[in-house]
Amino acid sequence: MDARLRISRLAALALPLFLAACAVGPDHTPPEVALSPRWSNDGPRTARPERLAALGEWWKDFGDPLVDRLIEEAVAGNLDVASAKAKVREARATRREAIGGLLPQVDGAGSAERLKTAGTGGSVTSQFQAGLDASWELDLFGGNARAVEAATRGAEAAEDDLHATLLTLVGDVATNYAEARGLQARIDLARRTAASQRRTAELTRSRFQAGSVSAVDGAKADAQAASTEATIPDLRASYAQAVHRLSVLTGREPGALAALMAPVKPIPAPRRALPTGIPADVLTLRPDVRAAERRLAQATASVGKAEAARLPSVSLTGQLSTTGVRLGDLGRASSIAWSWGPSVSVPIFQGGKLVAARDAAEAERDQTLAAWKSAVLTALEDVENALVGSAQERIKGRKLAEATARYRQAAELSRTLYAAGSSSFLDVLDAERSLFSAEDALLQSRVAVAVDHVALAKALGGGWTRPVATAKPETADPAR
């Protein structure tokens, strides 16, 4: 009889482990989506898989050590990254909390009392108690297992959110750096152009004193130089704002990088084209798409958890206690009491609450599925927009470079002819105005080429690939 009892007890312990593999509710499978074999704005070529590794630290292709430095400082000090790290720690802690639901729960208690009972002649006695309470939900239908699964997928989504934050951060740093360098170049161009126009104005005044031109020409020359100089304050303000943004992105006060950025450096220019791969690559390379898929998996597991809540639950409970009038009595066989056995809880009538909870979980799963599809389409749109924008901006840049060269020739020739008295001042005025506009547009186009390169790298999923420490909290509490 004892042997059969031991066998039945072992079977009771093994049963939940067997049934846990048969958790109720749907199992997550990555959704399928039909994608084109190539990008519509990138021609027929595709990139070999090994080339996709070049997306990891694409900004190094600019060949500017200061860009590398600023990005590293931003990764270390940016506050959005710090918040994303904390969310990763929170999600991991939530997962550990869910795992605790699979394990036995044991609580201990103890008490000591001095008692005086009426009718005993005023005698005082002592009573000591100690005990343990234990319980273990057998998780027959996998509700707790589904909770762990959901928490695990949530932790994975939080990690992908961190990578998405890093991707955005790296792109923002590179973009603001390129814009700051472009504004420096435009300020320098405006200064040089204004100085040239001032020299033309001096020449015009000399010719006026000689009686060869009217005072109108001199006034127009001074007005054009002043108009060019008037563009500088707005450019300076925009430059300061770009530097302020860079400083904040690195986690510092707005003016922290002013001295570092003050020396003029060229506008960063990509030396190579990015490997674009195929549209299906965004499913694995874009962290926001990966996070959306993990949240779909999390919502699917939550459906199983809600379904399990509608079914009976079985727990093993036990209690061990000891009582005595002296401390030495505790633990003696005569003072020990114990009990153990299974308990069953069956939801019979909950007013539709459990069914509603399951329906809500299913609706949330549909929302996350739609969010995943939207993330995929947005990623594809980002890449296509970046591809066409980058290609067209390069064509525009080549045409602007050609136009600038022609306008420069025209300006030089018109000034020479004007100095020799063979051309009107109107020709000089028009040539200088056209040259300044063309040179300024060319500088803006070069910035746009760099910014479009950054946008394409972000759209393809290129970002920070080095390990990021997430375990250390920002707030140091006393040792626990």
Protein backbone atom coordinates (compact mmCIF):
# COMPACT_ATOMS: atom_id res chain seq x y z
CA MET A 1 0.00 0.00 0.00
CA ASP A 2 2.85 2.39 0.87
CA ALA A 3 4.56 1.66 -2.46
CA ARG A 4 1.40 2.47 -4.40
CA LEU A 5 1.01 5.66 -2.40
CA ARG A 6 4.57 6.76 -3.27
CA ILE A 7 3.98 5.99 -6.95
CA SER A 8 0.78 8.03 -6.98
CA ARG A 9 2.58 10.94 -5.35
CA LEU A 10 5.37 10.85 -7.94
CA ALA A 11 2.78 10.77 -10.70
CA ALA A 12 1.06 13.78 -9.18
CA LEU A 13 4.34 15.70 -9.27
CA ALA A 14 5.19 14.66 -12.84
CA LEU A 15 1.76 15.38 -14.29
CA PRO A 16 2.02 19.19 -14.36
CA LEU A 17 5.43 18.97 -16.04
CA PHE A 18 3.89 16.83 -18.78
CA LEU A 19 0.84 19.01 -19.22
CA ALA A 20 2.87 22.23 -19.31
CA ALA A 21 4.00 21.22 -22.79
CA CYS A 22 0.31 21.24 -23.82
CA ALA A 23 -0.47 24.84 -22.86
CA VAL A 24 -3.79 26.08 -24.16
CA GLY A 25 -4.07 28.93 -26.61
CA PRO A 26 -2.42 29.65 -29.95
CA ASP A 27 1.31 29.23 -30.57
CA HIS A 28 3.05 32.13 -32.26
CA THR A 29 4.40 31.72 -35.76
CA PRO A 30 6.08 34.65 -37.52
CA PRO A 31 3.57 36.14 -39.95
CA GLU A 32 4.28 35.90 -43.64
CA VAL A 33 4.30 38.85 -46.00
CA ALA A 34 4.78 38.89 -49.76
CA LEU A 35 7.67 41.19 -50.70
CA SER A 36 9.15 42.22 -54.01
CA PRO A 37 12.51 40.60 -54.88
CA ARG A 38 14.13 44.00 -55.39
CA TRP A 39 13.68 47.68 -54.63
CA SER A 40 11.73 49.55 -57.27
CA ASN A 41 14.05 52.58 -57.07
CA ASP A 42 17.33 50.70 -56.95
CA GLY A 43 17.46 48.86 -60.25
CA PRO A 44 17.89 45.11 -60.60
CA ARG A 45 21.00 44.72 -58.46
CA THR A 46 20.94 43.14 -55.00
CA ALA A 47 23.58 42.94 -52.30
CA ARG A 48 25.24 39.76 -51.14
CA PRO A 49 24.45 38.93 -47.50
CA GLU A 50 28.04 39.45 -46.36
CA ARG A 51 27.96 43.01 -47.68
CA LEU A 52 25.12 43.85 -45.32
CA ALA A 53 27.64 43.90 -42.47
CA ALA A 54 28.81 47.24 -43.89
CA LEU A 55 25.62 48.78 -42.50
CA GLY A 56 26.87 48.26 -38.95
CA GLU A 57 29.01 51.39 -38.65
CA TRP A 58 28.21 53.13 -41.89
CA TRP A 59 29.15 56.58 -40.55
CA LYS A 60 32.84 55.63 -40.62
CA ASP A 61 32.59 55.90 -44.40
CA PHE A 62 32.51 59.69 -43.94
CA GLY A 63 36.15 59.51 -42.87
CA ASP A 64 35.67 62.11 -40.13
CA PRO A 65 37.01 61.09 -36.69
CA LEU A 66 34.90 63.76 -35.01
CA VAL A 67 31.71 62.11 -36.26
CA ASP A 68 32.91 58.82 -34.74
CA ARG A 69 33.68 60.54 -31.46
CA LEU A 70 30.34 62.34 -31.22
CA ILE A 71 28.40 59.17 -31.96
CA GLU A 72 30.28 57.24 -29.28
CA GLU A 73 29.67 60.02 -26.76
CA ALA A 74 25.99 60.11 -27.70
CA VAL A 75 25.59 56.36 -27.20
CA ALA A 76 27.18 56.70 -23.77
CA GLY A 77 25.35 59.83 -22.60
CA ASN A 78 22.07 60.21 -24.46
CA LEU A 79 19.04 60.30 -22.17
CA ASP A 80 16.71 58.48 -24.57
CA VAL A 81 19.21 55.62 -24.61
CA ALA A 82 19.35 55.67 -20.81
CA SER A 83 15.54 55.43 -20.70
CA ALA A 84 15.57 52.53 -23.21
CA LYS A 85 18.17 50.71 -21.09
CA ALA A 86 15.94 51.09 -18.03
CA LYS A 87 13.00 49.65 -19.98
CA VAL A 88 15.15 46.64 -20.85
CA ARG A 89 15.93 46.11 -17.17
CA GLU A 90 12.24 46.50 -16.32
CA ALA A 91 11.21 43.95 -18.95
CA ARG A 92 13.83 41.47 -17.75
CA ALA A 93 12.67 41.89 -14.15
CA THR A 94 9.08 41.32 -15.25
CA ARG A 95 10.18 38.09 -16.91
CA ARG A 96 11.92 36.92 -13.72
CA GLU A 97 8.74 37.75 -11.81
CA ALA A 98 6.69 35.64 -14.24
CA ILE A 99 9.11 32.72 -13.87
CA GLY A 100 8.47 32.82 -10.12
CA GLY A 101 4.87 31.80 -10.83
CA LEU A 102 6.10 28.41 -12.04
CA LEU A 103 7.92 27.63 -8.80
CA PRO A 104 6.66 26.63 -5.35
CA GLN A 105 5.91 29.46 -2.94
CA VAL A 106 7.08 29.08 0.66
CA ASP A 107 6.35 31.54 3.48
CA GLY A 108 7.60 31.39 7.03
CA ALA A 109 6.02 32.87 10.16
CA GLY A 110 6.84 33.01 13.85
CA SER A 111 5.38 34.58 16.96
CA ALA A 112 6.01 34.90 20.69
CA GLU A 113 3.32 35.92 23.20
CA ARG A 114 2.96 36.48 26.95
CA LEU A 115 -0.56 35.50 28.11
CA LYS A 116 -2.56 36.18 31.25
CA THR A 117 -5.85 34.32 31.34
CA ALA A 118 -8.76 35.31 33.57
CA GLY A 119 -9.56 32.87 36.41
CA THR A 120 -6.02 31.48 36.67
CA GLY A 121 -5.04 33.44 39.73
CA GLY A 122 -3.03 35.96 37.79
CA SER A 123 -0.54 33.49 36.38
CA VAL A 124 1.33 34.48 33.21
CA THR A 125 2.35 31.98 30.54
CA SER A 126 4.30 32.15 27.31
CA GLN A 127 3.46 30.73 23.91
CA PHE A 128 5.84 30.36 20.98
CA GLN A 129 4.85 29.43 17.44
CA ALA A 130 6.76 28.87 14.17
CA GLY A 131 5.66 27.46 10.88
CA LEU A 132 5.96 27.20 7.12
CA ASP A 133 3.23 27.53 4.49
CA ALA A 134 3.93 26.18 1.01
CA SER A 135 1.92 26.13 -2.20
CA TRP A 136 2.55 25.16 -5.79
CA GLU A 137 0.15 25.77 -8.63
CA LEU A 138 0.45 22.84 -11.01
CA ASP A 139 -0.19 24.97 -14.11
CA LEU A 140 -2.21 22.18 -15.73
CA PHE A 141 -3.21 24.28 -18.73
CA GLY A 142 -0.05 26.36 -19.10
CA GLY A 143 -1.37 29.73 -17.94
CA ASN A 144 1.80 30.51 -15.99
CA ALA A 145 3.95 29.16 -18.81
CA ARG A 146 2.17 31.49 -21.23
CA ALA A 147 2.80 34.36 -18.83
CA VAL A 148 6.52 33.58 -18.89
CA GLU A 149 6.41 33.33 -22.68
CA ALA A 150 4.70 36.72 -22.93
CA ALA A 151 7.21 38.30 -20.56
CA THR A 152 10.10 36.79 -22.52
CA ARG A 153 8.81 38.23 -25.79
CA GLY A 154 8.30 41.56 -24.05
CA ALA A 155 11.92 41.57 -22.90
CA GLU A 156 13.06 40.80 -26.45
CA ALA A 157 10.91 43.66 -27.76
CA ALA A 158 12.46 46.03 -25.20
CA GLU A 159 15.93 45.09 -26.43
CA ASP A 160 14.89 45.78 -30.01
CA ASP A 161 13.44 49.11 -28.87
CA LEU A 162 16.85 49.95 -27.44
CA HIS A 163 18.48 49.18 -30.79
CA ALA A 164 15.85 51.29 -32.55
CA THR A 165 16.66 54.18 -30.21
CA LEU A 166 20.35 53.77 -30.98
CA LEU A 167 19.63 53.68 -34.72
CA THR A 168 17.68 56.92 -34.50
CA LEU A 169 20.30 58.53 -32.28
CA VAL A 170 23.20 57.69 -34.60
CA GLY A 171 21.26 59.06 -37.55
CA ASP A 172 20.35 62.26 -35.70
CA VAL A 173 23.95 62.91 -34.69
CA ALA A 174 25.23 62.38 -38.25
CA THR A 175 22.44 64.51 -39.73
CA ASN A 176 22.96 67.44 -37.36
CA TYR A 177 26.72 67.24 -37.83
CA ALA A 178 26.37 67.40 -41.63
CA GLU A 179 23.94 70.31 -41.35
CA ALA A 180 26.27 72.18 -38.98
CA ARG A 181 29.22 71.77 -41.37
CA GLY A 182 27.03 72.86 -44.27
CA LEU A 183 25.97 75.99 -42.39
CA GLN A 184 29.61 76.79 -41.63
CA ALA A 185 30.39 76.53 -45.34
CA ARG A 186 27.43 78.72 -46.26
CA ILE A 187 28.45 81.37 -43.70
CA ASP A 188 31.98 81.37 -45.13
CA LEU A 189 30.58 81.64 -48.67
CA ALA A 190 28.38 84.58 -47.71
CA ARG A 191 31.33 86.36 -46.11
CA ARG A 192 33.59 85.82 -49.12
CA THR A 193 30.87 86.83 -51.55
CA ALA A 194 30.03 89.95 -49.59
CA ALA A 195 33.73 90.90 -49.46
CA SER A 196 33.96 90.49 -53.25
CA GLN A 197 30.83 92.57 -53.71
CA ARG A 198 32.28 95.26 -51.46
CA ARG A 199 35.35 95.38 -53.72
CA THR A 200 33.07 95.73 -56.71
CA ALA A 201 31.31 98.58 -54.92
CA GLU A 202 34.67 100.31 -54.34
CA LEU A 203 35.45 99.95 -58.04
CA THR A 204 32.04 101.41 -58.88
CA ARG A 205 32.64 104.43 -56.63
CA SER A 206 36.02 105.01 -58.28
CA ARG A 207 34.41 104.95 -61.70
CA PHE A 208 31.67 107.25 -60.42
CA GLN A 209 34.27 109.78 -59.27
CA ALA A 210 35.81 109.51 -62.70
CA GLY A 211 32.41 110.25 -64.17
CA SER A 212 32.08 106.99 -66.12
CA VAL A 213 29.09 105.59 -64.17
CA SER A 214 26.11 107.02 -62.35
CA ALA A 215 25.51 107.11 -58.61
CA VAL A 216 22.78 104.53 -59.14
CA ASP A 217 25.39 101.85 -59.90
CA GLY A 218 27.23 102.60 -56.65
CA ALA A 219 24.02 102.38 -54.62
CA LYS A 220 23.13 99.05 -56.25
CA ALA A 221 26.59 97.68 -55.53
CA ASP A 222 26.37 98.58 -51.84
CA ALA A 223 22.83 97.20 -51.65
CA GLN A 224 23.84 93.83 -53.09
CA ALA A 225 26.72 93.48 -50.62
CA ALA A 226 24.41 94.37 -47.73
CA SER A 227 21.82 91.85 -48.93
CA THR A 228 24.43 89.11 -48.99
CA GLU A 229 25.63 90.05 -45.49
CA ALA A 230 22.00 89.96 -44.29
CA THR A 231 21.87 86.21 -44.90
CA ILE A 232 24.63 85.58 -42.35
CA PRO A 233 22.67 86.12 -39.08
CA ASP A 234 20.04 83.52 -40.02
CA LEU A 235 22.78 81.08 -40.99
CA ARG A 236 24.57 81.68 -37.69
CA ALA A 237 21.36 81.07 -35.76
CA SER A 238 20.73 77.81 -37.62
CA TYR A 239 24.32 76.73 -37.02
CA ALA A 240 24.04 77.43 -33.30
CA GLN A 241 20.82 75.41 -33.15
CA ALA A 242 22.49 72.45 -34.87
CA VAL A 243 25.36 72.57 -32.38
CA HIS A 244 22.91 72.83 -29.49
CA ARG A 245 21.07 69.74 -30.77
CA LEU A 246 24.34 67.83 -31.07
CA SER A 247 25.23 68.74 -27.51
CA VAL A 248 21.86 67.62 -26.15
CA LEU A 249 22.05 64.38 -28.16
CA THR A 250 25.29 63.58 -26.34
CA GLY A 251 23.59 64.23 -23.00
CA ARG A 252 25.18 67.60 -22.30
CA GLU A 253 24.06 71.21 -22.03
CA PRO A 254 23.37 72.98 -25.35
CA GLY A 255 26.59 74.98 -25.51
CA ALA A 256 28.92 72.15 -24.55
CA LEU A 257 30.17 71.45 -28.09
CA ALA A 258 30.53 75.05 -29.27
CA ALA A 259 34.33 75.13 -28.97
CA LEU A 260 34.76 71.64 -30.42
CA MET A 261 32.66 72.45 -33.48
CA ALA A 262 34.06 75.96 -34.03
CA PRO A 263 36.94 74.98 -36.39
CA VAL A 264 35.55 74.79 -39.91
CA LYS A 265 35.64 71.33 -41.46
CA PRO A 266 34.34 70.04 -44.80
CA ILE A 267 30.82 68.79 -45.29
CA PRO A 268 30.97 65.01 -44.73
CA ALA A 269 30.64 63.10 -47.98
CA PRO A 270 30.03 59.33 -48.26
CA ARG A 271 32.80 57.61 -50.17
CA ARG A 272 30.80 54.51 -51.12
CA ALA A 273 27.21 53.55 -51.80
CA LEU A 274 25.41 51.57 -49.13
CA PRO A 275 24.55 47.91 -49.81
CA THR A 276 20.79 47.95 -50.17
CA GLY A 277 20.11 44.22 -50.12
CA ILE A 278 16.53 43.11 -50.83
CA PRO A 279 13.21 44.19 -49.28
CA ALA A 280 13.03 41.06 -47.11
CA ASP A 281 16.15 42.24 -45.25
CA VAL A 282 14.15 44.89 -43.40
CA LEU A 283 12.32 42.12 -41.51
CA THR A 284 15.53 41.20 -39.73
CA LEU A 285 17.66 44.36 -39.94
CA ARG A 286 15.13 46.98 -38.84
CA PRO A 287 14.87 46.88 -35.01
CA ASP A 288 11.44 48.54 -35.02
CA VAL A 289 10.10 45.76 -37.27
CA ARG A 290 11.68 43.12 -35.04
CA ALA A 291 10.17 44.75 -31.96
CA ALA A 292 6.72 44.80 -33.57
CA GLU A 293 7.00 41.08 -34.35
CA ARG A 294 8.07 40.32 -30.76
CA ARG A 295 5.07 42.24 -29.44
CA LEU A 296 2.85 40.18 -31.68
CA ALA A 297 4.38 37.06 -30.12
CA GLN A 298 3.81 38.55 -26.67
CA ALA A 299 0.16 39.28 -27.43
CA THR A 300 -0.32 35.75 -28.80
CA ALA A 301 1.03 34.26 -25.56
CA SER A 302 -1.31 36.53 -23.60
CA VAL A 303 -4.26 34.97 -25.45
CA GLY A 304 -3.19 31.57 -24.09
CA LYS A 305 -2.84 33.01 -20.61
CA ALA A 306 -6.37 34.44 -20.76
CA GLU A 307 -7.72 31.12 -22.08
CA ALA A 308 -6.06 29.19 -19.25
CA ALA A 309 -7.71 31.49 -16.70
CA ARG A 310 -11.10 30.10 -17.78
CA LEU A 311 -10.11 26.54 -16.85
CA PRO A 312 -9.73 24.81 -13.47
CA SER A 313 -6.53 25.32 -11.50
CA VAL A 314 -4.96 22.79 -9.16
CA SER A 315 -2.51 23.62 -6.39
CA LEU A 316 -0.57 21.57 -3.88
CA THR A 317 -0.62 23.21 -0.46
CA GLY A 318 1.14 22.26 2.71
CA GLN A 319 1.59 23.58 6.24
CA LEU A 320 4.10 22.77 8.94
CA SER A 321 3.81 24.34 12.41
CA THR A 322 5.23 23.88 15.87
CA THR A 323 3.96 25.34 19.16
CA GLY A 324 5.31 25.39 22.68
CA VAL A 325 5.32 27.28 25.96
CA ARG A 326 9.14 27.37 25.89
CA LEU A 327 11.51 27.95 23.00
CA GLY A 328 13.01 24.53 23.62
CA ASP A 329 9.64 22.91 22.91
CA LEU A 330 9.70 24.07 19.29
CA GLY A 331 10.68 21.30 16.94
CA ARG A 332 9.77 18.44 19.26
CA ALA A 333 7.72 15.72 17.65
CA SER A 334 4.89 16.26 20.07
CA SER A 335 4.63 19.96 19.17
CA ILE A 336 4.68 19.56 15.38
CA ALA A 337 1.55 19.67 13.27
CA TRP A 338 1.40 19.36 9.50
CA SER A 339 -1.02 19.11 6.62
CA TRP A 340 -0.76 18.84 2.85
CA GLY A 341 -2.95 18.07 -0.11
CA PRO A 342 -4.28 19.34 -3.39
CA SER A 343 -6.84 22.08 -3.85
CA VAL A 344 -8.93 22.69 -6.93
CA SER A 345 -10.41 25.99 -8.06
CA VAL A 346 -13.05 25.90 -10.78
CA PRO A 347 -14.41 29.14 -12.28
CA ILE A 348 -18.16 28.54 -12.46
CA PHE A 349 -19.74 31.96 -12.83
CA GLN A 350 -17.71 35.14 -13.29
CA GLY A 351 -20.31 37.28 -15.02
CA GLY A 352 -18.55 36.90 -18.37
CA LYS A 353 -15.38 38.52 -17.04
CA LEU A 354 -13.01 35.72 -18.08
CA VAL A 355 -14.50 35.42 -21.57
CA ALA A 356 -14.25 39.18 -21.98
CA ALA A 357 -10.61 39.07 -20.88
CA ARG A 358 -9.88 36.44 -23.52
CA ASP A 359 -11.69 38.45 -26.19
CA ALA A 360 -9.72 41.54 -25.18
CA ALA A 361 -6.46 39.60 -25.48
CA GLU A 362 -7.44 38.42 -28.95
CA ALA A 363 -8.30 41.97 -29.97
CA GLU A 364 -4.94 43.16 -28.67
CA ARG A 365 -3.25 40.47 -30.73
CA ASP A 366 -5.04 41.78 -33.84
CA GLN A 367 -3.80 45.28 -32.98
CA THR A 368 -0.20 44.11 -32.72
CA LEU A 369 -0.53 42.21 -36.01
CA ALA A 370 -1.73 45.40 -37.69
CA ALA A 371 1.10 47.32 -36.02
CA TRP A 372 3.63 44.81 -37.36
CA LYS A 373 2.26 45.07 -40.89
CA SER A 374 2.34 48.85 -40.60
CA ALA A 375 5.95 48.74 -39.39
CA VAL A 376 6.92 46.59 -42.39
CA LEU A 377 5.21 48.92 -44.86
CA THR A 378 6.74 51.98 -43.19
CA ALA A 379 10.19 50.39 -43.39
CA LEU A 380 9.74 49.62 -47.08
CA GLU A 381 8.49 53.14 -47.70
CA ASP A 382 11.46 54.62 -45.84
CA VAL A 383 13.92 52.69 -47.99
CA GLU A 384 12.19 53.50 -51.29
CA ASN A 385 11.96 57.20 -50.37
CA ALA A 386 15.59 57.29 -49.32
CA LEU A 387 16.72 55.53 -52.49
CA VAL A 388 14.90 57.86 -54.84
CA GLY A 389 15.79 60.92 -52.79
CA SER A 390 19.48 60.04 -52.70
CA ALA A 391 19.63 59.25 -56.42
CA GLN A 392 17.85 62.43 -57.47
CA GLU A 393 19.88 64.61 -55.09
CA ARG A 394 23.10 63.34 -56.66
CA ILE A 395 21.80 64.22 -60.11
CA LYS A 396 20.80 67.65 -58.80
CA GLY A 397 24.25 68.11 -57.26
CA ARG A 398 26.00 67.37 -60.54
CA LYS A 399 23.84 69.89 -62.38
CA LEU A 400 24.40 72.51 -59.67
CA ALA A 401 28.16 71.96 -59.86
CA GLU A 402 28.01 72.51 -63.62
CA ALA A 403 25.88 75.62 -63.20
CA THR A 404 28.20 77.01 -60.51
CA ALA A 405 31.22 76.58 -62.76
CA ARG A 406 29.47 78.43 -65.59
CA TYR A 407 28.26 81.23 -63.34
CA ARG A 408 31.79 81.62 -61.95
CA GLN A 409 33.14 82.07 -65.47
CA ALA A 410 30.40 84.58 -66.25
CA ALA A 411 31.08 86.56 -63.07
CA GLU A 412 34.82 86.73 -63.68
CA LEU A 413 34.30 87.78 -67.29
CA SER A 414 31.69 90.41 -66.42
CA ARG A 415 33.94 91.96 -63.76
CA THR A 416 36.87 92.05 -66.18
CA LEU A 417 34.76 93.68 -68.88
CA TYR A 418 33.27 96.12 -66.37
CA ALA A 419 36.73 97.18 -65.13
CA ALA A 420 37.73 97.75 -68.75
CA GLY A 421 34.59 99.78 -69.38
CA SER A 422 33.23 97.26 -71.90
CA SER A 423 30.24 96.06 -69.86
CA SER A 424 27.44 97.61 -67.82
CA PHE A 425 27.22 97.28 -64.08
CA LEU A 426 23.90 95.51 -64.49
CA ASP A 427 25.76 92.57 -66.05
CA VAL A 428 28.13 92.42 -63.07
CA LEU A 429 25.28 92.68 -60.59
CA ASP A 430 23.34 89.86 -62.23
CA ALA A 431 26.40 87.61 -62.59
CA GLU A 432 27.46 87.99 -58.94
CA ARG A 433 23.93 87.43 -57.68
CA SER A 434 23.56 84.31 -59.82
CA LEU A 435 26.96 82.96 -58.75
CA PHE A 436 26.17 83.37 -55.04
CA SER A 437 22.81 81.64 -55.42
CA ALA A 438 24.36 78.75 -57.37
CA GLU A 439 27.23 78.26 -54.91
CA ASP A 440 24.86 78.38 -51.95
CA ALA A 441 22.51 75.89 -53.61
CA LEU A 442 25.46 73.59 -54.32
CA LEU A 443 26.50 73.62 -50.67
CA GLN A 444 22.95 72.82 -49.62
CA SER A 445 22.87 69.97 -52.11
CA ARG A 446 26.07 68.51 -50.67
CA VAL A 447 24.50 68.58 -47.22
CA ALA A 448 21.38 66.95 -48.65
CA VAL A 449 23.50 64.16 -50.18
CA ALA A 450 25.00 63.43 -46.75
CA VAL A 451 21.60 63.62 -45.04
CA ASP A 452 20.03 61.32 -47.66
CA HIS A 453 22.88 58.87 -47.11
CA VAL A 454 22.08 58.90 -43.40
CA ALA A 455 18.37 58.44 -44.09
CA LEU A 456 19.07 55.44 -46.32
CA ALA A 457 21.34 53.86 -43.70
CA LYS A 458 18.61 54.28 -41.06
CA ALA A 459 15.93 52.97 -43.39
CA LEU A 460 17.97 49.85 -44.14
CA GLY A 461 18.48 49.21 -40.42
CA GLY A 462 22.10 50.26 -40.08
CA GLY A 463 23.08 51.42 -36.62
CA TRP A 464 25.11 50.72 -33.52
CA THR A 465 26.24 47.09 -33.39
CA ARG A 466 28.65 47.08 -30.44
CA PRO A 467 27.48 45.71 -27.08
CA VAL A 468 25.56 48.13 -24.89
CA ALA A 469 25.66 47.67 -21.12
CA THR A 470 22.13 47.65 -19.74
CA ALA A 471 22.55 46.05 -16.30
CA LYS A 472 23.84 49.10 -14.43
CA PRO A 473 21.05 51.36 -13.14
CA GLU A 474 21.33 55.14 -13.43
CA THR A 475 20.32 55.64 -9.78
CA ALA A 476 22.67 54.14 -7.19
CA ASP A 477 20.62 52.97 -4.20
CA PRO A 478 22.20 51.83 -0.92
CA ALA A 479 23.31 48.20 -0.94
CA ARG A 480 20.36 45.87 -0.49
